[in-house]
Amino acid sequence: MKKRFTEEQIIGFLKQAEAGMAIKELCRRHGFSEASFYLWRSKFGGMDVSDAKRLKALELENGRLKRLLAEAMLENEATKEALRKKW
């Protein structure tokens, strides 16, 4: 899924709002909704770009580990099923 804005851009938008730019004006100028702004603020509020990069890396690692766990559980279940049929 391609996102329109990078984490760095989003954090920049949040910093502009913190600096006093009106949220409606910020949204209009950059072409996103207020709902998106508030969603981003709940996720990235108070972060620096390095924090966002670290968060993204952790989310990717978490996804990888979940896939590995699912594969291991599937393999385990297949092995159990094969052993049940054998006896």
PDB file of N, CA and C in Angstrom:
ATOM      1  N   MET A   1       0.847  -1.187   0.000  1.00  0.00           N
ATOM      2  CA  MET A   1       0.000   0.000   0.000  1.00  0.00           C
ATOM      3  C   MET A   1       0.892   1.250   0.000  1.00  0.00           C
ATOM      4  N   LYS A   2       0.698   2.108  -0.956  1.00  0.00           N
ATOM      5  CA  LYS A   2       1.479   3.335  -1.078  1.00  0.00           C
ATOM      6  C   LYS A   2       0.818   4.439  -0.278  1.00  0.00           C
ATOM      7  N   LYS A   3       1.584   5.028   0.604  1.00  0.00           N
ATOM      8  CA  LYS A   3       1.075   6.149   1.380  1.00  0.00           C
ATOM      9  C   LYS A   3       1.412   7.452   0.664  1.00  0.00           C
ATOM     10  N   ARG A   4       0.548   8.421   0.811  1.00  0.00           N
ATOM     11  CA  ARG A   4       0.787   9.716   0.172  1.00  0.00           C
ATOM     12  C   ARG A   4       1.891  10.504   0.850  1.00  0.00           C
ATOM     13  N   PHE A   5       1.999  10.364   2.172  1.00  0.00           N
ATOM     14  CA  PHE A   5       2.960  11.154   2.928  1.00  0.00           C
ATOM     15  C   PHE A   5       3.872  10.229   3.730  1.00  0.00           C
ATOM     16  N   THR A   6       5.139  10.604   3.801  1.00  0.00           N
ATOM     17  CA  THR A   6       6.090   9.829   4.604  1.00  0.00           C
ATOM     18  C   THR A   6       5.943  10.220   6.070  1.00  0.00           C
ATOM     19  N   GLU A   7       6.522   9.399   6.932  1.00  0.00           N
ATOM     20  CA  GLU A   7       6.493   9.728   8.357  1.00  0.00           C
ATOM     21  C   GLU A   7       7.176  11.071   8.613  1.00  0.00           C
ATOM     22  N   GLU A   8       8.247  11.349   7.865  1.00  0.00           N
ATOM     23  CA  GLU A   8       8.970  12.610   8.034  1.00  0.00           C
ATOM     24  C   GLU A   8       8.070  13.798   7.690  1.00  0.00           C
ATOM     25  N   GLN A   9       7.308  13.675   6.604  1.00  0.00           N
ATOM     26  CA  GLN A   9       6.385  14.749   6.221  1.00  0.00           C
ATOM     27  C   GLN A   9       5.303  14.926   7.277  1.00  0.00           C
ATOM     28  N   ILE A  10       4.753  13.812   7.754  1.00  0.00           N
ATOM     29  CA  ILE A  10       3.681  13.874   8.758  1.00  0.00           C
ATOM     30  C   ILE A  10       4.171  14.565  10.013  1.00  0.00           C
ATOM     31  N   ILE A  11       5.372  14.212  10.457  1.00  0.00           N
ATOM     32  CA  ILE A  11       5.925  14.850  11.661  1.00  0.00           C
ATOM     33  C   ILE A  11       6.149  16.333  11.406  1.00  0.00           C
ATOM     34  N   GLY A  12       6.543  16.682  10.193  1.00  0.00           N
ATOM     35  CA  GLY A  12       6.674  18.098   9.830  1.00  0.00           C
ATOM     36  C   GLY A  12       5.342  18.831   9.936  1.00  0.00           C
ATOM     37  N   PHE A  13       4.268  18.198   9.465  1.00  0.00           N
ATOM     38  CA  PHE A  13       2.934  18.802   9.575  1.00  0.00           C
ATOM     39  C   PHE A  13       2.563  19.008  11.042  1.00  0.00           C
ATOM     40  N   LEU A  14       2.840  17.996  11.863  1.00  0.00           N
ATOM     41  CA  LEU A  14       2.505  18.091  13.287  1.00  0.00           C
ATOM     42  C   LEU A  14       3.302  19.214  13.952  1.00  0.00           C
ATOM     43  N   LYS A  15       4.558  19.363  13.549  1.00  0.00           N
ATOM     44  CA  LYS A  15       5.395  20.441  14.105  1.00  0.00           C
ATOM     45  C   LYS A  15       4.845  21.811  13.696  1.00  0.00           C
ATOM     46  N   GLN A  16       4.357  21.925  12.456  1.00  0.00           N
ATOM     47  CA  GLN A  16       3.766  23.190  12.010  1.00  0.00           C
ATOM     48  C   GLN A  16       2.542  23.535  12.854  1.00  0.00           C
ATOM     49  N   ALA A  17       1.735  22.524  13.161  1.00  0.00           N
ATOM     50  CA  ALA A  17       0.542  22.762  13.987  1.00  0.00           C
ATOM     51  C   ALA A  17       0.957  23.180  15.400  1.00  0.00           C
ATOM     52  N   GLU A  18       1.997  22.530  15.920  1.00  0.00           N
ATOM     53  CA  GLU A  18       2.488  22.892  17.258  1.00  0.00           C
ATOM     54  C   GLU A  18       3.013  24.322  17.276  1.00  0.00           C
ATOM     55  N   ALA A  19       3.579  24.757  16.150  1.00  0.00           N
ATOM     56  CA  ALA A  19       4.133  26.108  16.055  1.00  0.00           C
ATOM     57  C   ALA A  19       3.051  27.177  15.927  1.00  0.00           C
ATOM     58  N   GLY A  20       1.793  26.753  15.786  1.00  0.00           N
ATOM     59  CA  GLY A  20       0.702  27.713  15.796  1.00  0.00           C
ATOM     60  C   GLY A  20      -0.096  27.824  14.509  1.00  0.00           C
ATOM     61  N   MET A  21       0.263  27.076  13.488  1.00  0.00           N
ATOM     62  CA  MET A  21      -0.526  27.128  12.255  1.00  0.00           C
ATOM     63  C   MET A  21      -1.892  26.502  12.515  1.00  0.00           C
ATOM     64  N   ALA A  22      -2.939  27.145  11.997  1.00  0.00           N
ATOM     65  CA  ALA A  22      -4.294  26.622  12.174  1.00  0.00           C
ATOM     66  C   ALA A  22      -4.408  25.263  11.465  1.00  0.00           C
ATOM     67  N   ILE A  23      -5.056  24.313  12.113  1.00  0.00           N
ATOM     68  CA  ILE A  23      -5.162  22.957  11.580  1.00  0.00           C
ATOM     69  C   ILE A  23      -5.920  22.951  10.251  1.00  0.00           C
ATOM     70  N   LYS A  24      -7.006  23.722  10.167  1.00  0.00           N
ATOM     71  CA  LYS A  24      -7.766  23.792   8.908  1.00  0.00           C
ATOM     72  C   LYS A  24      -6.884  24.294   7.762  1.00  0.00           C
ATOM     73  N   GLU A  25      -6.087  25.312   8.037  1.00  0.00           N
ATOM     74  CA  GLU A  25      -5.194  25.871   7.023  1.00  0.00           C
ATOM     75  C   GLU A  25      -4.122  24.858   6.631  1.00  0.00           C
ATOM     76  N   LEU A  26      -3.555  24.184   7.600  1.00  0.00           N
ATOM     77  CA  LEU A  26      -2.527  23.164   7.358  1.00  0.00           C
ATOM     78  C   LEU A  26      -3.086  22.046   6.478  1.00  0.00           C
ATOM     79  N   CYS A  27      -4.272  21.583   6.801  1.00  0.00           N
ATOM     80  CA  CYS A  27      -4.916  20.518   6.026  1.00  0.00           C
ATOM     81  C   CYS A  27      -5.202  20.969   4.599  1.00  0.00           C
ATOM     82  N   ARG A  28      -5.718  22.169   4.442  1.00  0.00           N
ATOM     83  CA  ARG A  28      -6.039  22.688   3.121  1.00  0.00           C
ATOM     84  C   ARG A  28      -4.774  22.864   2.286  1.00  0.00           C
ATOM     85  N   ARG A  29      -3.745  23.409   2.890  1.00  0.00           N
ATOM     86  CA  ARG A  29      -2.502  23.709   2.175  1.00  0.00           C
ATOM     87  C   ARG A  29      -1.820  22.439   1.654  1.00  0.00           C
ATOM     88  N   HIS A  30      -1.869  21.366   2.446  1.00  0.00           N
ATOM     89  CA  HIS A  30      -1.148  20.138   2.071  1.00  0.00           C
ATOM     90  C   HIS A  30      -2.057  19.048   1.514  1.00  0.00           C
ATOM     91  N   GLY A  31      -3.369  19.266   1.545  1.00  0.00           N
ATOM     92  CA  GLY A  31      -4.292  18.352   0.890  1.00  0.00           C
ATOM     93  C   GLY A  31      -4.601  17.069   1.643  1.00  0.00           C
ATOM     94  N   PHE A  32      -4.802  17.175   2.948  1.00  0.00           N
ATOM     95  CA  PHE A  32      -5.270  16.024   3.726  1.00  0.00           C
ATOM     96  C   PHE A  32      -6.403  16.463   4.641  1.00  0.00           C
ATOM     97  N   SER A  33      -7.132  15.484   5.164  1.00  0.00           N
ATOM     98  CA  SER A  33      -8.303  15.801   5.981  1.00  0.00           C
ATOM     99  C   SER A  33      -7.918  16.048   7.437  1.00  0.00           C
ATOM    100  N   GLU A  34      -8.809  16.707   8.142  1.00  0.00           N
ATOM    101  CA  GLU A  34      -8.586  16.906   9.581  1.00  0.00           C
ATOM    102  C   GLU A  34      -8.564  15.564  10.296  1.00  0.00           C
ATOM    103  N   ALA A  35      -9.383  14.613   9.823  1.00  0.00           N
ATOM    104  CA  ALA A  35      -9.392  13.282  10.440  1.00  0.00           C
ATOM    105  C   ALA A  35      -8.003  12.643  10.336  1.00  0.00           C
ATOM    106  N   SER A  36      -7.378  12.794   9.167  1.00  0.00           N
ATOM    107  CA  SER A  36      -6.019  12.260   8.997  1.00  0.00           C
ATOM    108  C   SER A  36      -5.062  12.938   9.964  1.00  0.00           C
ATOM    109  N   PHE A  37      -5.182  14.258  10.099  1.00  0.00           N
ATOM    110  CA  PHE A  37      -4.311  14.996  11.010  1.00  0.00           C
ATOM    111  C   PHE A  37      -4.421  14.453  12.437  1.00  0.00           C
ATOM    112  N   TYR A  38      -5.659  14.277  12.905  1.00  0.00           N
ATOM    113  CA  TYR A  38      -5.842  13.816  14.284  1.00  0.00           C
ATOM    114  C   TYR A  38      -5.394  12.365  14.456  1.00  0.00           C
ATOM    115  N   LEU A  39      -5.569  11.557  13.429  1.00  0.00           N
ATOM    116  CA  LEU A  39      -5.071  10.185  13.466  1.00  0.00           C
ATOM    117  C   LEU A  39      -3.550  10.177  13.564  1.00  0.00           C
ATOM    118  N   TRP A  40      -2.910  11.000  12.733  1.00  0.00           N
ATOM    119  CA  TRP A  40      -1.455  11.096  12.770  1.00  0.00           C
ATOM    120  C   TRP A  40      -0.975  11.630  14.111  1.00  0.00           C
ATOM    121  N   ARG A  41      -1.690  12.614  14.644  1.00  0.00           N
ATOM    122  CA  ARG A  41      -1.271  13.191  15.922  1.00  0.00           C
ATOM    123  C   ARG A  41      -1.337  12.150  17.029  1.00  0.00           C
ATOM    124  N   SER A  42      -2.354  11.277  16.976  1.00  0.00           N
ATOM    125  CA  SER A  42      -2.448  10.241  18.010  1.00  0.00           C
ATOM    126  C   SER A  42      -1.324   9.215  17.860  1.00  0.00           C
ATOM    127  N   LYS A  43      -0.872   8.985  16.629  1.00  0.00           N
ATOM    128  CA  LYS A  43       0.184   7.996  16.405  1.00  0.00           C
ATOM    129  C   LYS A  43       1.579   8.590  16.549  1.00  0.00           C
ATOM    130  N   PHE A  44       1.802   9.787  15.992  1.00  0.00           N
ATOM    131  CA  PHE A  44       3.148  10.355  15.915  1.00  0.00           C
ATOM    132  C   PHE A  44       3.365  11.568  16.811  1.00  0.00           C
ATOM    133  N   GLY A  45       2.355  11.992  17.555  1.00  0.00           N
ATOM    134  CA  GLY A  45       2.482  13.194  18.376  1.00  0.00           C
ATOM    135  C   GLY A  45       3.648  13.105  19.339  1.00  0.00           C
ATOM    136  N   GLY A  46       4.488  14.135  19.353  1.00  0.00           N
ATOM    137  CA  GLY A  46       5.630  14.181  20.255  1.00  0.00           C
ATOM    138  C   GLY A  46       6.858  13.436  19.759  1.00  0.00           C
ATOM    139  N   MET A  47       6.781  12.848  18.579  1.00  0.00           N
ATOM    140  CA  MET A  47       7.920  12.098  18.044  1.00  0.00           C
ATOM    141  C   MET A  47       8.809  12.979  17.191  1.00  0.00           C
ATOM    142  N   ASP A  48      10.069  12.583  17.108  1.00  0.00           N
ATOM    143  CA  ASP A  48      10.992  13.141  16.128  1.00  0.00           C
ATOM    144  C   ASP A  48      11.056  12.168  14.967  1.00  0.00           C
ATOM    145  N   VAL A  49      11.710  12.579  13.901  1.00  0.00           N
ATOM    146  CA  VAL A  49      11.822  11.725  12.718  1.00  0.00           C
ATOM    147  C   VAL A  49      12.518  10.413  13.070  1.00  0.00           C
ATOM    148  N   SER A  50      13.557  10.473  13.897  1.00  0.00           N
ATOM    149  CA  SER A  50      14.274   9.247  14.279  1.00  0.00           C
ATOM    150  C   SER A  50      13.365   8.292  15.047  1.00  0.00           C
ATOM    151  N   ASP A  51      12.480   8.842  15.887  1.00  0.00           N
ATOM    152  CA  ASP A  51      11.521   7.998  16.614  1.00  0.00           C
ATOM    153  C   ASP A  51      10.570   7.305  15.646  1.00  0.00           C
ATOM    154  N   ALA A  52      10.112   8.031  14.639  1.00  0.00           N
ATOM    155  CA  ALA A  52       9.187   7.463  13.658  1.00  0.00           C
ATOM    156  C   ALA A  52       9.864   6.369  12.847  1.00  0.00           C
ATOM    157  N   LYS A  53      11.131   6.577  12.495  1.00  0.00           N
ATOM    158  CA  LYS A  53      11.873   5.545  11.753  1.00  0.00           C
ATOM    159  C   LYS A  53      12.028   4.301  12.610  1.00  0.00           C
ATOM    160  N   ARG A  54      12.306   4.492  13.887  1.00  0.00           N
ATOM    161  CA  ARG A  54      12.442   3.358  14.810  1.00  0.00           C
ATOM    162  C   ARG A  54      11.107   2.627  14.945  1.00  0.00           C
ATOM    163  N   LEU A  55      10.002   3.375  15.046  1.00  0.00           N
ATOM    164  CA  LEU A  55       8.674   2.779  15.133  1.00  0.00           C
ATOM    165  C   LEU A  55       8.382   1.942  13.893  1.00  0.00           C
ATOM    166  N   LYS A  56       8.703   2.482  12.726  1.00  0.00           N
ATOM    167  CA  LYS A  56       8.460   1.758  11.486  1.00  0.00           C
ATOM    168  C   LYS A  56       9.287   0.475  11.447  1.00  0.00           C
ATOM    169  N   ALA A  57      10.546   0.556  11.867  1.00  0.00           N
ATOM    170  CA  ALA A  57      11.407  -0.632  11.896  1.00  0.00           C
ATOM    171  C   ALA A  57      10.842  -1.682  12.844  1.00  0.00           C
ATOM    172  N   LEU A  58      10.356  -1.256  13.992  1.00  0.00           N
ATOM    173  CA  LEU A  58       9.770  -2.196  14.956  1.00  0.00           C
ATOM    174  C   LEU A  58       8.488  -2.821  14.419  1.00  0.00           C
ATOM    175  N   GLU A  59       7.669  -2.028  13.714  1.00  0.00           N
ATOM    176  CA  GLU A  59       6.439  -2.573  13.130  1.00  0.00           C
ATOM    177  C   GLU A  59       6.761  -3.612  12.056  1.00  0.00           C
ATOM    178  N   LEU A  60       7.789  -3.355  11.236  1.00  0.00           N
ATOM    179  CA  LEU A  60       8.200  -4.320  10.215  1.00  0.00           C
ATOM    180  C   LEU A  60       8.708  -5.608  10.857  1.00  0.00           C
ATOM    181  N   GLU A  61       9.534  -5.463  11.894  1.00  0.00           N
ATOM    182  CA  GLU A  61      10.066  -6.637  12.602  1.00  0.00           C
ATOM    183  C   GLU A  61       8.945  -7.428  13.257  1.00  0.00           C
ATOM    184  N   ASN A  62       7.981  -6.724  13.839  1.00  0.00           N
ATOM    185  CA  ASN A  62       6.843  -7.386  14.467  1.00  0.00           C
ATOM    186  C   ASN A  62       6.049  -8.189  13.439  1.00  0.00           C
ATOM    187  N   GLY A  63       5.824  -7.616  12.272  1.00  0.00           N
ATOM    188  CA  GLY A  63       5.117  -8.321  11.201  1.00  0.00           C
ATOM    189  C   GLY A  63       5.872  -9.567  10.761  1.00  0.00           C
ATOM    190  N   ARG A  64       7.194  -9.430  10.631  1.00  0.00           N
ATOM    191  CA  ARG A  64       8.026 -10.571  10.236  1.00  0.00           C
ATOM    192  C   ARG A  64       7.939 -11.682  11.272  1.00  0.00           C
ATOM    193  N   LEU A  65       8.016 -11.317  12.548  1.00  0.00           N
ATOM    194  CA  LEU A  65       7.945 -12.315  13.612  1.00  0.00           C
ATOM    195  C   LEU A  65       6.572 -12.986  13.670  1.00  0.00           C
ATOM    196  N   LYS A  66       5.515 -12.229  13.424  1.00  0.00           N
ATOM    197  CA  LYS A  66       4.167 -12.815  13.401  1.00  0.00           C
ATOM    198  C   LYS A  66       4.033 -13.828  12.275  1.00  0.00           C
ATOM    199  N   ARG A  67       4.591 -13.507  11.092  1.00  0.00           N
ATOM    200  CA  ARG A  67       4.556 -14.461   9.973  1.00  0.00           C
ATOM    201  C   ARG A  67       5.334 -15.728  10.309  1.00  0.00           C
ATOM    202  N   LEU A  68       6.520 -15.559  10.923  1.00  0.00           N
ATOM    203  CA  LEU A  68       7.317 -16.726  11.312  1.00  0.00           C
ATOM    204  C   LEU A  68       6.563 -17.603  12.309  1.00  0.00           C
ATOM    205  N   LEU A  69       5.899 -16.972  13.277  1.00  0.00           N
ATOM    206  CA  LEU A  69       5.130 -17.720  14.261  1.00  0.00           C
ATOM    207  C   LEU A  69       3.979 -18.463  13.599  1.00  0.00           C
ATOM    208  N   ALA A  70       3.272 -17.803  12.688  1.00  0.00           N
ATOM    209  CA  ALA A  70       2.152 -18.446  11.994  1.00  0.00           C
ATOM    210  C   ALA A  70       2.641 -19.645  11.182  1.00  0.00           C
ATOM    211  N   GLU A  71       3.774 -19.479  10.490  1.00  0.00           N
ATOM    212  CA  GLU A  71       4.327 -20.587   9.712  1.00  0.00           C
ATOM    213  C   GLU A  71       4.721 -21.752  10.615  1.00  0.00           C
ATOM    214  N   ALA A  72       5.354 -21.455  11.751  1.00  0.00           N
ATOM    215  CA  ALA A  72       5.771 -22.500  12.682  1.00  0.00           C
ATOM    216  C   ALA A  72       4.557 -23.228  13.257  1.00  0.00           C
ATOM    217  N   MET A  73       3.497 -22.475  13.583  1.00  0.00           N
ATOM    218  CA  MET A  73       2.291 -23.103  14.126  1.00  0.00           C
ATOM    219  C   MET A  73       1.619 -23.982  13.075  1.00  0.00           C
ATOM    220  N   LEU A  74       1.603 -23.534  11.834  1.00  0.00           N
ATOM    221  CA  LEU A  74       1.019 -24.314  10.746  1.00  0.00           C
ATOM    222  C   LEU A  74       1.811 -25.598  10.520  1.00  0.00           C
ATOM    223  N   GLU A  75       3.130 -25.474  10.522  1.00  0.00           N
ATOM    224  CA  GLU A  75       3.990 -26.647  10.360  1.00  0.00           C
ATOM    225  C   GLU A  75       3.791 -27.628  11.517  1.00  0.00           C
ATOM    226  N   ASN A  76       3.679 -27.107  12.724  1.00  0.00           N
ATOM    227  CA  ASN A  76       3.456 -27.924  13.912  1.00  0.00           C
ATOM    228  C   ASN A  76       2.128 -28.676  13.803  1.00  0.00           C
ATOM    229  N   GLU A  77       1.098 -27.976  13.364  1.00  0.00           N
ATOM    230  CA  GLU A  77      -0.224 -28.597  13.217  1.00  0.00           C
ATOM    231  C   GLU A  77      -0.196 -29.671  12.136  1.00  0.00           C
ATOM    232  N   ALA A  78       0.504 -29.417  11.041  1.00  0.00           N
ATOM    233  CA  ALA A  78       0.621 -30.404   9.963  1.00  0.00           C
ATOM    234  C   ALA A  78       1.361 -31.653  10.455  1.00  0.00           C
ATOM    235  N   THR A  79       2.385 -31.447  11.245  1.00  0.00           N
ATOM    236  CA  THR A  79       3.138 -32.577  11.805  1.00  0.00           C
ATOM    237  C   THR A  79       2.259 -33.402  12.738  1.00  0.00           C
ATOM    238  N   LYS A  80       1.505 -32.736  13.590  1.00  0.00           N
ATOM    239  CA  LYS A  80       0.594 -33.442  14.499  1.00  0.00           C
ATOM    240  C   LYS A  80      -0.434 -34.253  13.715  1.00  0.00           C
ATOM    241  N   GLU A  81      -0.987 -33.666  12.664  1.00  0.00           N
ATOM    242  CA  GLU A  81      -1.975 -34.329  11.846  1.00  0.00           C
ATOM    243  C   GLU A  81      -1.375 -35.565  11.152  1.00  0.00           C
ATOM    244  N   ALA A  82      -0.166 -35.429  10.668  1.00  0.00           N
ATOM    245  CA  ALA A  82       0.506 -36.558  10.006  1.00  0.00           C
ATOM    246  C   ALA A  82       0.772 -37.686  10.994  1.00  0.00           C
ATOM    247  N   LEU A  83       1.143 -37.320  12.212  1.00  0.00           N
ATOM    248  CA  LEU A  83       1.410 -38.352  13.221  1.00  0.00           C
ATOM    249  C   LEU A  83       0.124 -39.055  13.652  1.00  0.00           C
ATOM    250  N   ARG A  84      -0.987 -38.325  13.702  1.00  0.00           N
ATOM    251  CA  ARG A  84      -2.264 -38.930  14.072  1.00  0.00           C
ATOM    252  C   ARG A  84      -2.678 -39.969  13.013  1.00  0.00           C
ATOM    253  N   LYS A  85      -2.476 -39.664  11.770  1.00  0.00           N
ATOM    254  CA  LYS A  85      -2.868 -40.567  10.686  1.00  0.00           C
ATOM    255  C   LYS A  85      -1.988 -41.819  10.643  1.00  0.00           C
ATOM    256  N   LYS A  86      -0.749 -41.649  11.050  1.00  0.00           N
ATOM    257  CA  LYS A  86       0.216 -42.734  10.965  1.00  0.00           C
ATOM    258  C   LYS A  86      -0.113 -43.841  11.962  1.00  0.00           C
ATOM    259  N   TRP A  87      -0.600 -43.507  13.126  1.00  0.00           N
ATOM    260  CA  TRP A  87      -0.849 -44.511  14.175  1.00  0.00           C
ATOM    261  C   TRP A  87      -2.246 -44.957  14.082  1.00  0.00           C
TER     262      TRP A  87
END
